[in-house]
Amino acid sequence: MDDKYYTAGEIARIAGVSLRTIRYYDAKGLLPPVSHSDTGYRLYDKGSLSLLQRILMLKYLGFSLEEIQKLVAAQEADDLDQEAILDHQKKLLLERRQQLEQLISTIELAQKSPREDKWQILVRCLNLLTSEEKVLEQYQNPDNLQHRINIHTYSTSSQGWMDWVYERLALEPGETVLELGCGTGLLWMERPHLLPEGLQLTLTDRSREMLEQTRQNLAPHESELASRGVCVNAVAPGFIDTEMTRALSEKARESGVAAVPMGRMGSVEDIAEMVAFLAGNKSDYITGQVICVDGGMAI
């Protein structure tokens, strides 16, 4: 990082925010200047731009300025480097996108459903909305986070939530496991040494990007898992004919099919057959793959 300094006005123009915003964040103690000019102007550097990016990202994700101040201080205390911070932001954004996709699909389904079914669907929508509030609550007090940037390690118990879940799976050697909605694979990435020999693990999620992140998270453990005959693969479905997609408007369905090179929607059976293949003994030599069952959309 060079020693170039920027005035408050310059850093505001670079970031695309108002000068008033920069001054406000300074007054709140979020973005203090790194120095002052001889004439008293506030001066900032590239580190200030990086900090401003964190502030704006957390604000976009719904945190209050008071919460952002605590989180930024927690990240500084943990001495996180830029890559770790960006990785954290990416995971939060993927979770947000997944939730938005679920909300949109739920609302579209409610629009197309009979009146007697709308209430149950709207309750589902409420659950999705309140789940977002719980995510924010879990970040509000960094002192309660064992690892301050990871929501899935939050717990007031001496045993972590994921540890509790894994313990109750009671997996046995040679078993076959299918996880629906695996997210970024946090249940598995921190426990590769615990997976029993010969386990066939198949992961699925609506978001192909989530599955790619899962693959990257598990990549450092591939050799260890493969040496014990543990196969981990993921199935990324495309535009599939389900109750939810059938509730879409005709225009939306036509647009979705138009994006499929094979010119048709996939079926539930298409996905099931791939999962069944990966769960069987004919796939013993396949591991570490994200397999797209999408009619060529990923090409």
Protein backbone atom coordinates (compact mmCIF):
# COMPACT_ATOMS: atom_id res chain seq x y z
CA MET A 1 0.00 0.00 0.00
CA ASP A 2 1.42 3.41 -1.03
CA ASP A 3 1.49 6.57 1.07
CA LYS A 4 -0.97 8.53 -1.09
CA TYR A 5 -3.53 10.46 0.90
CA TYR A 6 -7.03 11.50 -0.11
CA THR A 7 -9.19 14.29 1.21
CA ALA A 8 -12.71 13.56 2.43
CA GLY A 9 -14.08 14.92 -0.85
CA GLU A 10 -11.77 12.73 -2.94
CA ILE A 11 -12.58 9.55 -1.06
CA ALA A 12 -16.30 10.38 -1.34
CA ARG A 13 -15.99 10.72 -5.14
CA ILE A 14 -14.01 7.48 -5.45
CA ALA A 15 -16.60 5.56 -3.41
CA GLY A 16 -19.62 7.25 -4.98
CA VAL A 17 -21.01 8.55 -1.68
CA SER A 18 -21.65 12.06 -0.44
CA LEU A 19 -19.13 14.14 1.48
CA ARG A 20 -21.76 14.35 4.20
CA THR A 21 -21.68 10.53 4.49
CA ILE A 22 -17.90 10.53 5.01
CA ARG A 23 -18.19 13.21 7.68
CA TYR A 24 -21.05 11.37 9.36
CA TYR A 25 -19.10 8.11 9.54
CA ASP A 26 -16.17 10.06 11.00
CA ALA A 27 -18.41 11.61 13.64
CA LYS A 28 -19.71 8.14 14.52
CA GLY A 29 -16.16 6.84 14.93
CA LEU A 30 -16.52 4.41 12.03
CA LEU A 31 -14.22 6.08 9.52
CA PRO A 32 -11.68 8.30 11.29
CA PRO A 33 -9.08 10.09 9.16
CA VAL A 34 -5.59 8.65 9.21
CA SER A 35 -4.05 12.12 9.30
CA HIS A 36 -4.72 15.84 8.80
CA SER A 37 -3.17 18.29 6.37
CA ASP A 38 -1.34 21.39 7.48
CA THR A 39 -4.51 23.34 6.79
CA GLY A 40 -6.66 20.97 8.85
CA TYR A 41 -8.23 18.85 6.09
CA ARG A 42 -9.06 15.23 6.98
CA LEU A 43 -6.84 12.80 5.10
CA TYR A 44 -7.55 9.16 4.21
CA ASP A 45 -5.61 6.33 2.52
CA LYS A 46 -6.37 3.08 0.69
CA GLY A 47 -6.94 1.36 4.00
CA SER A 48 -9.72 3.89 4.59
CA LEU A 49 -11.32 2.86 1.29
CA SER A 50 -11.17 -0.77 2.35
CA LEU A 51 -12.81 0.10 5.65
CA LEU A 52 -15.49 2.14 3.86
CA GLN A 53 -16.24 -0.84 1.64
CA ARG A 54 -16.81 -3.00 4.74
CA ILE A 55 -19.09 -0.39 6.27
CA LEU A 56 -21.19 -0.01 3.12
CA MET A 57 -21.40 -3.78 2.60
CA LEU A 58 -22.63 -4.42 6.15
CA LYS A 59 -25.07 -1.52 5.82
CA TYR A 60 -26.38 -3.05 2.59
CA LEU A 61 -26.86 -6.35 4.41
CA GLY A 62 -29.09 -4.63 6.96
CA PHE A 63 -26.90 -3.89 9.97
CA SER A 64 -27.25 -0.67 11.94
CA LEU A 65 -24.26 1.64 12.29
CA GLU A 66 -23.91 0.64 15.95
CA GLU A 67 -23.80 -3.05 14.94
CA ILE A 68 -21.34 -2.30 12.14
CA GLN A 69 -19.04 -0.55 14.59
CA LYS A 70 -18.99 -3.63 16.82
CA LEU A 71 -18.42 -5.99 13.91
CA VAL A 72 -15.61 -3.94 12.41
CA ALA A 73 -13.95 -3.75 15.82
CA ALA A 74 -14.33 -7.53 16.19
CA GLN A 75 -12.74 -8.14 12.79
CA GLU A 76 -9.84 -5.88 13.70
CA ALA A 77 -9.41 -7.71 17.02
CA ASP A 78 -9.29 -11.03 15.17
CA ASP A 79 -6.65 -9.59 12.82
CA LEU A 80 -8.51 -10.77 9.71
CA ASP A 81 -6.80 -10.17 6.40
CA GLN A 82 -8.54 -8.77 3.33
CA GLU A 83 -9.12 -12.20 1.77
CA ALA A 84 -10.87 -13.51 4.88
CA ILE A 85 -13.09 -10.43 5.02
CA LEU A 86 -14.02 -10.71 1.34
CA ASP A 87 -14.73 -14.42 1.73
CA HIS A 88 -17.03 -13.62 4.64
CA GLN A 89 -18.85 -10.98 2.60
CA LYS A 90 -19.31 -13.39 -0.30
CA LYS A 91 -20.87 -16.01 1.96
CA LEU A 92 -23.26 -13.46 3.44
CA LEU A 93 -24.29 -12.27 -0.02
CA LEU A 94 -24.85 -15.83 -1.24
CA GLU A 95 -27.06 -16.48 1.78
CA ARG A 96 -28.96 -13.27 1.10
CA ARG A 97 -29.43 -14.15 -2.57
CA GLN A 98 -30.68 -17.60 -1.69
CA GLN A 99 -33.18 -16.10 0.73
CA LEU A 100 -34.36 -13.54 -1.84
CA GLU A 101 -34.85 -16.31 -4.41
CA GLN A 102 -36.92 -18.25 -1.88
CA LEU A 103 -39.01 -15.16 -1.08
CA ILE A 104 -39.67 -14.43 -4.75
CA SER A 105 -40.65 -18.04 -5.42
CA THR A 106 -42.92 -18.08 -2.37
CA ILE A 107 -44.68 -14.86 -3.39
CA GLU A 108 -45.13 -16.11 -6.96
CA LEU A 109 -46.58 -19.33 -5.60
CA ALA A 110 -48.97 -17.36 -3.37
CA GLN A 111 -50.11 -15.30 -6.36
CA LYS A 112 -51.05 -18.42 -8.31
CA SER A 113 -52.56 -20.45 -5.45
CA PRO A 114 -56.24 -20.82 -4.53
CA ARG A 115 -57.46 -18.52 -1.78
CA GLU A 116 -57.67 -21.36 0.73
CA ASP A 117 -53.95 -22.12 0.26
CA LYS A 118 -52.66 -18.56 0.39
CA TRP A 119 -52.56 -18.38 4.20
CA GLN A 120 -50.22 -21.32 4.57
CA ILE A 121 -47.93 -19.93 1.86
CA LEU A 122 -47.91 -16.47 3.46
CA VAL A 123 -46.89 -18.07 6.76
CA ARG A 124 -43.94 -19.59 4.90
CA CYS A 125 -43.10 -16.08 3.66
CA LEU A 126 -43.26 -14.77 7.22
CA ASN A 127 -40.89 -17.51 8.35
CA LEU A 128 -38.39 -16.51 5.68
CA LEU A 129 -38.59 -12.86 6.70
CA THR A 130 -38.10 -13.59 10.40
CA SER A 131 -35.20 -15.94 9.62
CA GLU A 132 -33.40 -12.88 8.22
CA GLU A 133 -34.00 -11.03 11.48
CA LYS A 134 -32.49 -13.96 13.39
CA VAL A 135 -29.41 -13.87 11.17
CA LEU A 136 -28.90 -10.20 12.01
CA GLU A 137 -29.52 -10.83 15.72
CA GLN A 138 -26.81 -13.47 15.76
CA TYR A 139 -24.32 -10.90 14.49
CA GLN A 140 -25.36 -8.02 16.74
CA ASN A 141 -23.13 -8.90 19.68
CA PRO A 142 -19.65 -9.98 18.58
CA ASP A 143 -18.80 -11.00 22.14
CA ASN A 144 -21.19 -13.94 21.76
CA LEU A 145 -19.45 -15.27 18.66
CA GLN A 146 -16.83 -17.95 19.05
CA HIS A 147 -15.57 -17.05 15.57
CA ARG A 148 -16.88 -13.60 14.98
CA ILE A 149 -17.41 -13.80 11.26
CA ASN A 150 -19.15 -17.18 11.09
CA ILE A 151 -22.84 -17.37 11.87
CA HIS A 152 -22.84 -21.15 12.00
CA THR A 153 -20.53 -21.31 14.98
CA TYR A 154 -22.80 -19.07 17.08
CA SER A 155 -23.98 -20.78 20.25
CA THR A 156 -24.53 -20.14 23.91
CA SER A 157 -23.85 -23.81 24.54
CA SER A 158 -20.46 -25.33 25.24
CA GLN A 159 -21.11 -27.52 22.19
CA GLY A 160 -21.38 -25.82 18.79
CA TRP A 161 -24.61 -26.14 16.80
CA MET A 162 -22.98 -27.99 13.90
CA ASP A 163 -21.23 -30.35 16.30
CA TRP A 164 -24.58 -31.06 17.94
CA VAL A 165 -26.19 -31.79 14.55
CA TYR A 166 -23.34 -33.99 13.36
CA GLU A 167 -23.26 -35.99 16.59
CA ARG A 168 -26.92 -36.89 16.17
CA LEU A 169 -26.46 -38.13 12.62
CA ALA A 170 -24.53 -41.09 14.06
CA LEU A 171 -23.03 -41.92 10.67
CA GLU A 172 -21.71 -45.43 10.04
CA PRO A 173 -19.07 -46.65 7.55
CA GLY A 174 -20.40 -47.25 4.05
CA GLU A 175 -23.59 -45.28 4.55
CA THR A 176 -25.14 -43.03 1.92
CA VAL A 177 -26.12 -39.46 2.84
CA LEU A 178 -28.08 -36.92 0.81
CA GLU A 179 -28.21 -33.34 2.10
CA LEU A 180 -30.84 -31.05 0.60
CA GLY A 181 -29.96 -27.35 0.78
CA CYS A 182 -26.36 -27.80 1.90
CA GLY A 183 -25.46 -24.10 1.64
CA THR A 184 -21.66 -23.79 1.69
CA GLY A 185 -21.11 -27.23 3.27
CA LEU A 186 -20.26 -25.98 6.74
CA LEU A 187 -21.56 -29.15 8.36
CA TRP A 188 -18.88 -31.19 6.58
CA MET A 189 -15.92 -28.89 5.96
CA GLU A 190 -14.96 -28.63 9.63
CA ARG A 191 -15.28 -32.38 10.31
CA PRO A 192 -13.61 -34.29 7.47
CA HIS A 193 -11.64 -36.40 9.96
CA LEU A 194 -14.91 -37.60 11.51
CA LEU A 195 -16.53 -38.88 8.30
CA PRO A 196 -16.61 -42.70 8.42
CA GLU A 197 -14.84 -44.81 5.79
CA GLY A 198 -16.72 -45.49 2.58
CA LEU A 199 -19.30 -42.75 3.14
CA GLN A 200 -21.15 -41.66 -0.01
CA LEU A 201 -22.10 -38.01 0.50
CA THR A 202 -24.23 -36.21 -2.08
CA LEU A 203 -24.99 -32.51 -1.62
CA THR A 204 -27.63 -30.41 -3.36
CA ASP A 205 -28.65 -26.78 -3.31
CA ARG A 206 -30.68 -24.47 -5.54
CA SER A 207 -27.67 -22.22 -6.06
CA ARG A 208 -24.87 -23.57 -8.23
CA GLU A 209 -22.60 -20.87 -6.76
CA MET A 210 -23.28 -22.26 -3.27
CA LEU A 211 -22.25 -25.72 -4.48
CA GLU A 212 -19.10 -24.35 -6.09
CA GLN A 213 -18.25 -22.68 -2.78
CA THR A 214 -18.89 -26.00 -1.02
CA ARG A 215 -16.51 -27.75 -3.40
CA GLN A 216 -13.83 -25.14 -2.72
CA ASN A 217 -14.37 -25.44 1.03
CA LEU A 218 -13.90 -29.21 0.91
CA ALA A 219 -11.06 -29.19 -1.64
CA PRO A 220 -8.27 -29.01 0.98
CA HIS A 221 -9.55 -32.29 2.46
CA GLU A 222 -9.96 -34.24 -0.80
CA SER A 223 -6.85 -36.38 -0.36
CA GLU A 224 -7.71 -37.26 3.22
CA LEU A 225 -11.29 -38.19 2.33
CA ALA A 226 -10.38 -40.12 -0.82
CA SER A 227 -7.79 -42.17 1.06
CA ARG A 228 -10.60 -43.46 3.28
CA GLY A 229 -12.99 -44.11 0.41
CA VAL A 230 -15.21 -41.16 1.24
CA CYS A 231 -16.86 -39.78 -1.91
CA VAL A 232 -18.31 -36.27 -1.81
CA ASN A 233 -20.18 -34.94 -4.84
CA ALA A 234 -22.80 -32.30 -5.49
CA VAL A 235 -25.77 -32.14 -7.85
CA ALA A 236 -26.69 -28.72 -9.25
CA PRO A 237 -30.21 -28.76 -10.71
CA GLY A 238 -31.27 -26.46 -13.51
CA PHE A 239 -34.78 -25.29 -14.43
CA ILE A 240 -36.81 -28.21 -13.07
CA ASP A 241 -40.53 -28.90 -13.45
CA THR A 242 -41.76 -28.77 -9.86
CA GLU A 243 -44.82 -27.49 -8.02
CA MET A 244 -43.04 -24.19 -7.45
CA THR A 245 -41.96 -23.64 -11.07
CA ARG A 246 -45.42 -24.68 -12.30
CA ALA A 247 -46.79 -21.78 -10.22
CA LEU A 248 -44.71 -19.30 -12.26
CA SER A 249 -46.35 -17.18 -14.93
CA GLU A 250 -46.39 -18.60 -18.44
CA LYS A 251 -44.03 -15.84 -19.56
CA ALA A 252 -41.58 -16.66 -16.77
CA ARG A 253 -41.68 -20.37 -17.65
CA GLU A 254 -41.10 -19.65 -21.34
CA SER A 255 -38.18 -17.39 -20.45
CA GLY A 256 -36.70 -20.11 -18.24
CA VAL A 257 -37.03 -22.79 -20.95
CA ALA A 258 -35.48 -20.43 -23.51
CA ALA A 259 -32.32 -20.37 -21.39
CA VAL A 260 -32.00 -24.18 -21.59
CA PRO A 261 -30.03 -25.37 -24.67
CA MET A 262 -31.96 -28.64 -24.70
CA GLY A 263 -35.18 -26.64 -25.01
CA ARG A 264 -37.15 -28.18 -22.16
CA MET A 265 -37.49 -28.16 -18.39
CA GLY A 266 -35.84 -30.89 -16.42
CA SER A 267 -37.87 -33.37 -14.43
CA VAL A 268 -37.62 -34.44 -10.81
CA GLU A 269 -36.70 -37.86 -12.15
CA ASP A 270 -33.67 -36.38 -13.96
CA ILE A 271 -32.33 -35.16 -10.63
CA ALA A 272 -33.31 -38.31 -8.75
CA GLU A 273 -31.53 -40.57 -11.22
CA MET A 274 -28.29 -38.66 -10.88
CA VAL A 275 -28.55 -38.72 -7.08
CA ALA A 276 -29.28 -42.46 -7.20
CA PHE A 277 -26.25 -43.03 -9.42
CA LEU A 278 -23.96 -41.11 -7.06
CA ALA A 279 -25.39 -42.98 -4.09
CA GLY A 280 -24.71 -46.37 -5.71
CA ASN A 281 -21.56 -48.44 -5.99
CA LYS A 282 -21.08 -47.61 -9.69
CA SER A 283 -19.87 -44.12 -8.75
CA ASP A 284 -17.13 -45.23 -6.35
CA TYR A 285 -14.44 -43.59 -8.49
CA ILE A 286 -16.16 -40.19 -8.68
CA THR A 287 -15.52 -37.60 -6.00
CA GLY A 288 -15.07 -33.85 -5.61
CA GLN A 289 -17.44 -33.01 -8.48
CA VAL A 290 -20.30 -30.55 -8.97
CA ILE A 291 -22.50 -32.26 -11.55
CA CYS A 292 -24.94 -29.97 -13.36
CA VAL A 293 -28.25 -31.58 -14.36
CA ASP A 294 -29.52 -28.56 -16.27
CA GLY A 295 -29.93 -29.37 -19.95
CA GLY A 296 -26.74 -27.51 -20.83
CA MET A 297 -27.38 -24.22 -19.02
CA ALA A 298 -23.90 -24.32 -17.47
CA ILE A 299 -22.14 -24.61 -20.82
